[in-house]
Amino acid sequence: MASSITSGLQWPELAFAAFAVGVVYTFAIGAVVIGGLVTGPDLPLPARPALTILIIPPATGGLAWLAAHRGAVAAVGYGFAGLLAFTTLIVVCLLPYLRQPSFHMGFWIFALPIAAGSNFAIRWFHGADAPAWRPLTWVVRGAATLSFVALGTATLFHAFRRSRRQGPLSPLRSRPCARRRGSSRRPGSPWWPGPG
């Protein structure tokens, strides 16, 4: 992301420096993460959707490369496209493992790979002059938009169900200083409950 921003600001030296830092740390941290997944215990069920972040490094790296080269794809751009396709295939194969019993706010982790992957795919279609790149662009844009609409709708439905399940607060629950057993409040206090 820093490389893309500095490319837009016409600072090519900083853009390439940020790109190099991103590549090195992506390989280093990616090796640790993948090694932990292979050799470590299973992730907790609510944390499994986070595995979709595997899509983000090739997508953001490809965006940075395209920004630094004025949208020209070239060999490195094709390499990032291949990495993105490969990691997306991995995530698709992991979908049964990522399945959750119900919706929760952790599902918003899907927004990051969807945004980065669709952004890079659209720019790559245009830069590579892919056949029928305009229809492909609209397909990717429509799929990303529907995904965000589905996330937003599910979030609103989830919030509505939680509010219905909890119900309105009773007068006793809504009192901030209700007397507890063993309280030292004296009679005559406005919160003294009185006899009985």
C-alpha atoms as a PDB file:
ATOM      1  CA  MET A   1       0.000   0.000   0.000  1.00  0.00           C
ATOM      2  CA  ALA A   2       2.834   2.416   0.794  1.00  0.00           C
ATOM      3  CA  SER A   3       4.396   1.643  -2.578  1.00  0.00           C
ATOM      4  CA  SER A   4       1.139   2.363  -4.408  1.00  0.00           C
ATOM      5  CA  ILE A   5       0.683   5.668  -2.561  1.00  0.00           C
ATOM      6  CA  THR A   6       4.226   6.871  -3.164  1.00  0.00           C
ATOM      7  CA  SER A   7       3.947   5.927  -6.841  1.00  0.00           C
ATOM      8  CA  GLY A   8       0.855   8.094  -7.082  1.00  0.00           C
ATOM      9  CA  LEU A   9       2.788  10.933  -5.434  1.00  0.00           C
ATOM     10  CA  GLN A  10       5.507  10.612  -8.105  1.00  0.00           C
ATOM     11  CA  TRP A  11       8.176   9.363  -5.688  1.00  0.00           C
ATOM     12  CA  PRO A  12       9.474   6.313  -7.588  1.00  0.00           C
ATOM     13  CA  GLU A  13      12.503   5.724  -5.356  1.00  0.00           C
ATOM     14  CA  LEU A  14      10.377   5.488  -2.226  1.00  0.00           C
ATOM     15  CA  ALA A  15       7.893   3.351  -4.120  1.00  0.00           C
ATOM     16  CA  PHE A  16      10.512   0.751  -5.024  1.00  0.00           C
ATOM     17  CA  ALA A  17      11.936   0.840  -1.486  1.00  0.00           C
ATOM     18  CA  ALA A  18       8.500   0.211   0.022  1.00  0.00           C
ATOM     19  CA  PHE A  19       7.877  -2.521  -2.547  1.00  0.00           C
ATOM     20  CA  ALA A  20      11.126  -4.288  -1.556  1.00  0.00           C
ATOM     21  CA  VAL A  21      10.248  -4.095   2.145  1.00  0.00           C
ATOM     22  CA  GLY A  22       6.808  -5.523   1.443  1.00  0.00           C
ATOM     23  CA  VAL A  23       8.187  -8.423  -0.592  1.00  0.00           C
ATOM     24  CA  VAL A  24      10.781  -9.404   2.023  1.00  0.00           C
ATOM     25  CA  TYR A  25       8.393  -9.278   4.971  1.00  0.00           C
ATOM     26  CA  THR A  26       5.645 -11.020   3.034  1.00  0.00           C
ATOM     27  CA  PHE A  27       7.942 -13.982   2.441  1.00  0.00           C
ATOM     28  CA  ALA A  28       9.213 -13.951   6.046  1.00  0.00           C
ATOM     29  CA  ILE A  29       5.833 -13.622   7.769  1.00  0.00           C
ATOM     30  CA  GLY A  30       4.117 -15.851   5.215  1.00  0.00           C
ATOM     31  CA  ALA A  31       6.597 -18.639   5.917  1.00  0.00           C
ATOM     32  CA  VAL A  32       5.915 -18.367   9.653  1.00  0.00           C
ATOM     33  CA  VAL A  33       2.137 -18.341   9.179  1.00  0.00           C
ATOM     34  CA  ILE A  34       2.057 -21.250   6.735  1.00  0.00           C
ATOM     35  CA  GLY A  35       4.529 -23.214   8.852  1.00  0.00           C
ATOM     36  CA  GLY A  36       2.315 -22.732  11.897  1.00  0.00           C
ATOM     37  CA  LEU A  37      -0.729 -23.881   9.954  1.00  0.00           C
ATOM     38  CA  VAL A  38       1.041 -27.014   8.762  1.00  0.00           C
ATOM     39  CA  THR A  39       2.746 -28.040  12.002  1.00  0.00           C
ATOM     40  CA  GLY A  40       0.594 -26.401  14.687  1.00  0.00           C
ATOM     41  CA  PRO A  41      -2.846 -27.242  16.095  1.00  0.00           C
ATOM     42  CA  ASP A  42      -6.077 -26.327  14.349  1.00  0.00           C
ATOM     43  CA  LEU A  43      -7.184 -22.731  14.538  1.00  0.00           C
ATOM     44  CA  PRO A  44     -10.187 -21.956  16.758  1.00  0.00           C
ATOM     45  CA  LEU A  45     -13.388 -22.043  14.759  1.00  0.00           C
ATOM     46  CA  PRO A  46     -14.118 -18.266  14.880  1.00  0.00           C
ATOM     47  CA  ALA A  47     -10.560 -17.460  13.730  1.00  0.00           C
ATOM     48  CA  ARG A  48     -10.586 -19.635  10.617  1.00  0.00           C
ATOM     49  CA  PRO A  49     -12.004 -16.993   8.244  1.00  0.00           C
ATOM     50  CA  ALA A  50      -8.772 -15.065   8.812  1.00  0.00           C
ATOM     51  CA  LEU A  51      -7.039 -17.549   6.497  1.00  0.00           C
ATOM     52  CA  THR A  52      -8.524 -15.620   3.577  1.00  0.00           C
ATOM     53  CA  ILE A  53      -5.838 -12.974   4.147  1.00  0.00           C
ATOM     54  CA  LEU A  54      -3.548 -15.241   2.122  1.00  0.00           C
ATOM     55  CA  ILE A  55      -5.078 -13.502  -0.903  1.00  0.00           C
ATOM     56  CA  ILE A  56      -3.985 -10.024   0.212  1.00  0.00           C
ATOM     57  CA  PRO A  57      -0.149 -10.114  -0.316  1.00  0.00           C
ATOM     58  CA  PRO A  58      -0.164 -11.006  -4.043  1.00  0.00           C
ATOM     59  CA  ALA A  59      -3.039  -8.588  -4.650  1.00  0.00           C
ATOM     60  CA  THR A  60      -1.445  -5.606  -2.888  1.00  0.00           C
ATOM     61  CA  GLY A  61       1.973  -6.467  -4.327  1.00  0.00           C
ATOM     62  CA  GLY A  62       0.512  -6.563  -7.810  1.00  0.00           C
ATOM     63  CA  LEU A  63      -1.254  -3.242  -7.256  1.00  0.00           C
ATOM     64  CA  ALA A  64       2.013  -1.663  -6.119  1.00  0.00           C
ATOM     65  CA  TRP A  65       3.842  -3.002  -9.184  1.00  0.00           C
ATOM     66  CA  LEU A  66       1.178  -1.743 -11.579  1.00  0.00           C
ATOM     67  CA  ALA A  67       1.159   1.661  -9.899  1.00  0.00           C
ATOM     68  CA  ALA A  68       4.941   1.943 -10.192  1.00  0.00           C
ATOM     69  CA  HIS A  69       4.849   1.017 -13.904  1.00  0.00           C
ATOM     70  CA  ARG A  70       1.874   3.125 -14.977  1.00  0.00           C
ATOM     71  CA  GLY A  71      -0.394   0.108 -15.332  1.00  0.00           C
ATOM     72  CA  ALA A  72       1.933  -1.886 -17.593  1.00  0.00           C
ATOM     73  CA  VAL A  73       1.650  -5.570 -16.699  1.00  0.00           C
ATOM     74  CA  ALA A  74       4.832  -7.157 -18.149  1.00  0.00           C
ATOM     75  CA  ALA A  75       6.295 -10.376 -16.764  1.00  0.00           C
ATOM     76  CA  VAL A  76       6.146  -9.433 -13.080  1.00  0.00           C
ATOM     77  CA  GLY A  77       2.483  -8.458 -13.415  1.00  0.00           C
ATOM     78  CA  TYR A  78       1.715 -11.873 -14.865  1.00  0.00           C
ATOM     79  CA  GLY A  79       3.599 -13.405 -11.944  1.00  0.00           C
ATOM     80  CA  PHE A  80       1.456 -11.581  -9.407  1.00  0.00           C
ATOM     81  CA  ALA A  81      -1.660 -12.624 -11.306  1.00  0.00           C
ATOM     82  CA  GLY A  82      -0.531 -16.248 -11.083  1.00  0.00           C
ATOM     83  CA  LEU A  83       0.126 -15.923  -7.354  1.00  0.00           C
ATOM     84  CA  LEU A  84      -3.284 -14.365  -6.816  1.00  0.00           C
ATOM     85  CA  ALA A  85      -5.004 -17.129  -8.781  1.00  0.00           C
ATOM     86  CA  PHE A  86      -3.085 -19.783  -6.825  1.00  0.00           C
ATOM     87  CA  THR A  87      -3.871 -18.354  -3.381  1.00  0.00           C
ATOM     88  CA  THR A  88      -7.512 -17.851  -4.364  1.00  0.00           C
ATOM     89  CA  LEU A  89      -7.656 -21.518  -5.366  1.00  0.00           C
ATOM     90  CA  ILE A  90      -6.186 -22.470  -1.981  1.00  0.00           C
ATOM     91  CA  VAL A  91      -8.857 -20.446  -0.181  1.00  0.00           C
ATOM     92  CA  VAL A  92     -11.573 -22.042  -2.317  1.00  0.00           C
ATOM     93  CA  CYS A  93     -10.273 -25.489  -1.351  1.00  0.00           C
ATOM     94  CA  LEU A  94     -10.307 -24.407   2.315  1.00  0.00           C
ATOM     95  CA  LEU A  95     -13.948 -23.285   2.247  1.00  0.00           C
ATOM     96  CA  PRO A  96     -15.237 -26.449   4.026  1.00  0.00           C
ATOM     97  CA  TYR A  97     -12.632 -25.798   6.752  1.00  0.00           C
ATOM     98  CA  LEU A  98     -13.620 -22.122   7.000  1.00  0.00           C
ATOM     99  CA  ARG A  99     -17.332 -22.875   7.365  1.00  0.00           C
ATOM    100  CA  GLN A 100     -18.942 -21.302  10.438  1.00  0.00           C
ATOM    101  CA  PRO A 101     -22.095 -22.416  12.286  1.00  0.00           C
ATOM    102  CA  SER A 102     -23.517 -18.879  12.249  1.00  0.00           C
ATOM    103  CA  PHE A 103     -22.664 -15.332  11.260  1.00  0.00           C
ATOM    104  CA  HIS A 104     -20.389 -13.230  13.473  1.00  0.00           C
ATOM    105  CA  MET A 105     -18.450  -9.993  13.031  1.00  0.00           C
ATOM    106  CA  GLY A 106     -15.302 -11.914  12.144  1.00  0.00           C
ATOM    107  CA  PHE A 107     -16.822 -12.417   8.703  1.00  0.00           C
ATOM    108  CA  TRP A 108     -15.769  -8.860   7.859  1.00  0.00           C
ATOM    109  CA  ILE A 109     -12.233 -10.203   7.405  1.00  0.00           C
ATOM    110  CA  PHE A 110     -13.498 -11.292   3.973  1.00  0.00           C
ATOM    111  CA  ALA A 111     -13.785  -7.621   2.979  1.00  0.00           C
ATOM    112  CA  LEU A 112     -10.006  -7.163   2.785  1.00  0.00           C
ATOM    113  CA  PRO A 113      -9.173  -9.929   0.273  1.00  0.00           C
ATOM    114  CA  ILE A 114     -12.309  -9.158  -1.753  1.00  0.00           C
ATOM    115  CA  ALA A 115     -11.373  -5.478  -2.084  1.00  0.00           C
ATOM    116  CA  ALA A 116      -7.684  -6.067  -2.817  1.00  0.00           C
ATOM    117  CA  GLY A 117      -8.213  -9.025  -5.150  1.00  0.00           C
ATOM    118  CA  SER A 118     -10.959  -7.403  -7.210  1.00  0.00           C
ATOM    119  CA  ASN A 119      -8.993  -4.143  -7.464  1.00  0.00           C
ATOM    120  CA  PHE A 120      -5.925  -5.923  -8.809  1.00  0.00           C
ATOM    121  CA  ALA A 121      -7.958  -8.124 -11.151  1.00  0.00           C
ATOM    122  CA  ILE A 122      -9.687  -5.115 -12.725  1.00  0.00           C
ATOM    123  CA  ARG A 123      -6.418  -3.234 -13.215  1.00  0.00           C
ATOM    124  CA  TRP A 124      -4.731  -6.352 -14.550  1.00  0.00           C
ATOM    125  CA  PHE A 125      -7.485  -6.983 -17.115  1.00  0.00           C
ATOM    126  CA  HIS A 126      -7.040  -3.442 -18.395  1.00  0.00           C
ATOM    127  CA  GLY A 127      -3.231  -3.423 -18.322  1.00  0.00           C
ATOM    128  CA  ALA A 128      -2.871  -6.820 -19.993  1.00  0.00           C
ATOM    129  CA  ASP A 129      -5.499  -5.905 -22.597  1.00  0.00           C
ATOM    130  CA  ALA A 130      -7.242  -9.196 -21.863  1.00  0.00           C
ATOM    131  CA  PRO A 131      -9.893 -10.361 -24.325  1.00  0.00           C
ATOM    132  CA  ALA A 132     -13.304  -9.007 -23.314  1.00  0.00           C
ATOM    133  CA  TRP A 133     -11.708  -7.067 -20.476  1.00  0.00           C
ATOM    134  CA  ARG A 134     -14.678  -4.729 -20.178  1.00  0.00           C
ATOM    135  CA  PRO A 135     -17.247  -7.493 -19.462  1.00  0.00           C
ATOM    136  CA  LEU A 136     -14.754  -9.168 -17.136  1.00  0.00           C
ATOM    137  CA  THR A 137     -14.319  -5.892 -15.279  1.00  0.00           C
ATOM    138  CA  TRP A 138     -18.050  -5.564 -14.752  1.00  0.00           C
ATOM    139  CA  VAL A 139     -18.319  -9.185 -13.619  1.00  0.00           C
ATOM    140  CA  VAL A 140     -15.595  -8.736 -11.001  1.00  0.00           C
ATOM    141  CA  ARG A 141     -16.999  -5.385  -9.894  1.00  0.00           C
ATOM    142  CA  GLY A 142     -20.497  -6.828  -9.601  1.00  0.00           C
ATOM    143  CA  ALA A 143     -19.307  -9.857  -7.623  1.00  0.00           C
ATOM    144  CA  ALA A 144     -17.355  -7.638  -5.202  1.00  0.00           C
ATOM    145  CA  THR A 145     -20.327  -5.300  -4.775  1.00  0.00           C
ATOM    146  CA  LEU A 146     -22.702  -8.187  -4.095  1.00  0.00           C
ATOM    147  CA  SER A 147     -20.252  -9.570  -1.536  1.00  0.00           C
ATOM    148  CA  PHE A 148     -20.201  -6.283   0.369  1.00  0.00           C
ATOM    149  CA  VAL A 149     -23.978  -5.986   0.163  1.00  0.00           C
ATOM    150  CA  ALA A 150     -24.282  -9.530   1.553  1.00  0.00           C
ATOM    151  CA  LEU A 151     -21.890  -8.709   4.416  1.00  0.00           C
ATOM    152  CA  GLY A 152     -23.784  -5.535   5.257  1.00  0.00           C
ATOM    153  CA  THR A 153     -27.166  -7.265   5.124  1.00  0.00           C
ATOM    154  CA  ALA A 154     -25.955 -10.148   7.287  1.00  0.00           C
ATOM    155  CA  THR A 155     -24.501  -7.682   9.796  1.00  0.00           C
ATOM    156  CA  LEU A 156     -27.783  -5.778  10.101  1.00  0.00           C
ATOM    157  CA  PHE A 157     -29.753  -9.012  10.443  1.00  0.00           C
ATOM    158  CA  HIS A 158     -27.296 -10.264  13.070  1.00  0.00           C
ATOM    159  CA  ALA A 159     -27.606  -7.019  15.068  1.00  0.00           C
ATOM    160  CA  PHE A 160     -31.416  -7.152  14.834  1.00  0.00           C
ATOM    161  CA  ARG A 161     -31.510 -10.756  16.067  1.00  0.00           C
ATOM    162  CA  ARG A 162     -29.232  -9.934  19.001  1.00  0.00           C
ATOM    163  CA  SER A 163     -31.363  -6.970  20.024  1.00  0.00           C
ATOM    164  CA  ARG A 164     -34.539  -9.086  19.806  1.00  0.00           C
ATOM    165  CA  ARG A 165     -32.952 -11.885  21.828  1.00  0.00           C
ATOM    166  CA  GLN A 166     -31.726  -9.599  24.619  1.00  0.00           C
ATOM    167  CA  GLY A 167     -34.937  -7.600  24.785  1.00  0.00           C
ATOM    168  CA  PRO A 168     -35.417  -4.213  26.490  1.00  0.00           C
ATOM    169  CA  LEU A 169     -33.778  -3.574  29.836  1.00  0.00           C
ATOM    170  CA  SER A 170     -35.997  -4.052  32.870  1.00  0.00           C
ATOM    171  CA  PRO A 171     -36.213  -1.172  35.412  1.00  0.00           C
ATOM    172  CA  LEU A 172     -34.044  -3.119  37.874  1.00  0.00           C
ATOM    173  CA  ARG A 173     -31.355  -3.786  35.227  1.00  0.00           C
ATOM    174  CA  SER A 174     -31.430  -0.197  34.023  1.00  0.00           C
ATOM    175  CA  ARG A 175     -30.715   1.259  37.478  1.00  0.00           C
ATOM    176  CA  PRO A 176     -26.979   2.020  37.596  1.00  0.00           C
ATOM    177  CA  CYS A 177     -26.624   1.848  41.374  1.00  0.00           C
ATOM    178  CA  ALA A 178     -29.062  -0.882  42.392  1.00  0.00           C
ATOM    179  CA  ARG A 179     -28.491  -2.125  45.962  1.00  0.00           C
ATOM    180  CA  ARG A 180     -26.522  -5.357  46.181  1.00  0.00           C
ATOM    181  CA  ARG A 181     -26.540  -7.889  48.977  1.00  0.00           C
ATOM    182  CA  GLY A 182     -24.345  -6.686  51.755  1.00  0.00           C
ATOM    183  CA  SER A 183     -24.392  -3.061  50.585  1.00  0.00           C
ATOM    184  CA  SER A 184     -23.401  -0.432  53.151  1.00  0.00           C
ATOM    185  CA  ARG A 185     -25.919   2.201  51.961  1.00  0.00           C
ATOM    186  CA  ARG A 186     -27.846   3.759  54.827  1.00  0.00           C
ATOM    187  CA  PRO A 187     -31.626   4.180  55.162  1.00  0.00           C
ATOM    188  CA  GLY A 188     -32.760   7.446  53.738  1.00  0.00           C
ATOM    189  CA  SER A 189     -30.475   7.155  50.742  1.00  0.00           C
ATOM    190  CA  PRO A 190     -32.326   7.702  47.447  1.00  0.00           C
ATOM    191  CA  TRP A 191     -31.288   4.170  46.450  1.00  0.00           C
ATOM    192  CA  TRP A 192     -32.396   2.559  49.719  1.00  0.00           C
ATOM    193  CA  PRO A 193     -35.021  -0.017  48.709  1.00  0.00           C
ATOM    194  CA  GLY A 194     -37.041   0.269  51.922  1.00  0.00           C
ATOM    195  CA  PRO A 195     -38.387  -2.601  54.050  1.00  0.00           C
ATOM    196  CA  GLY A 196     -39.045  -5.918  52.463  1.00  0.00           C
END
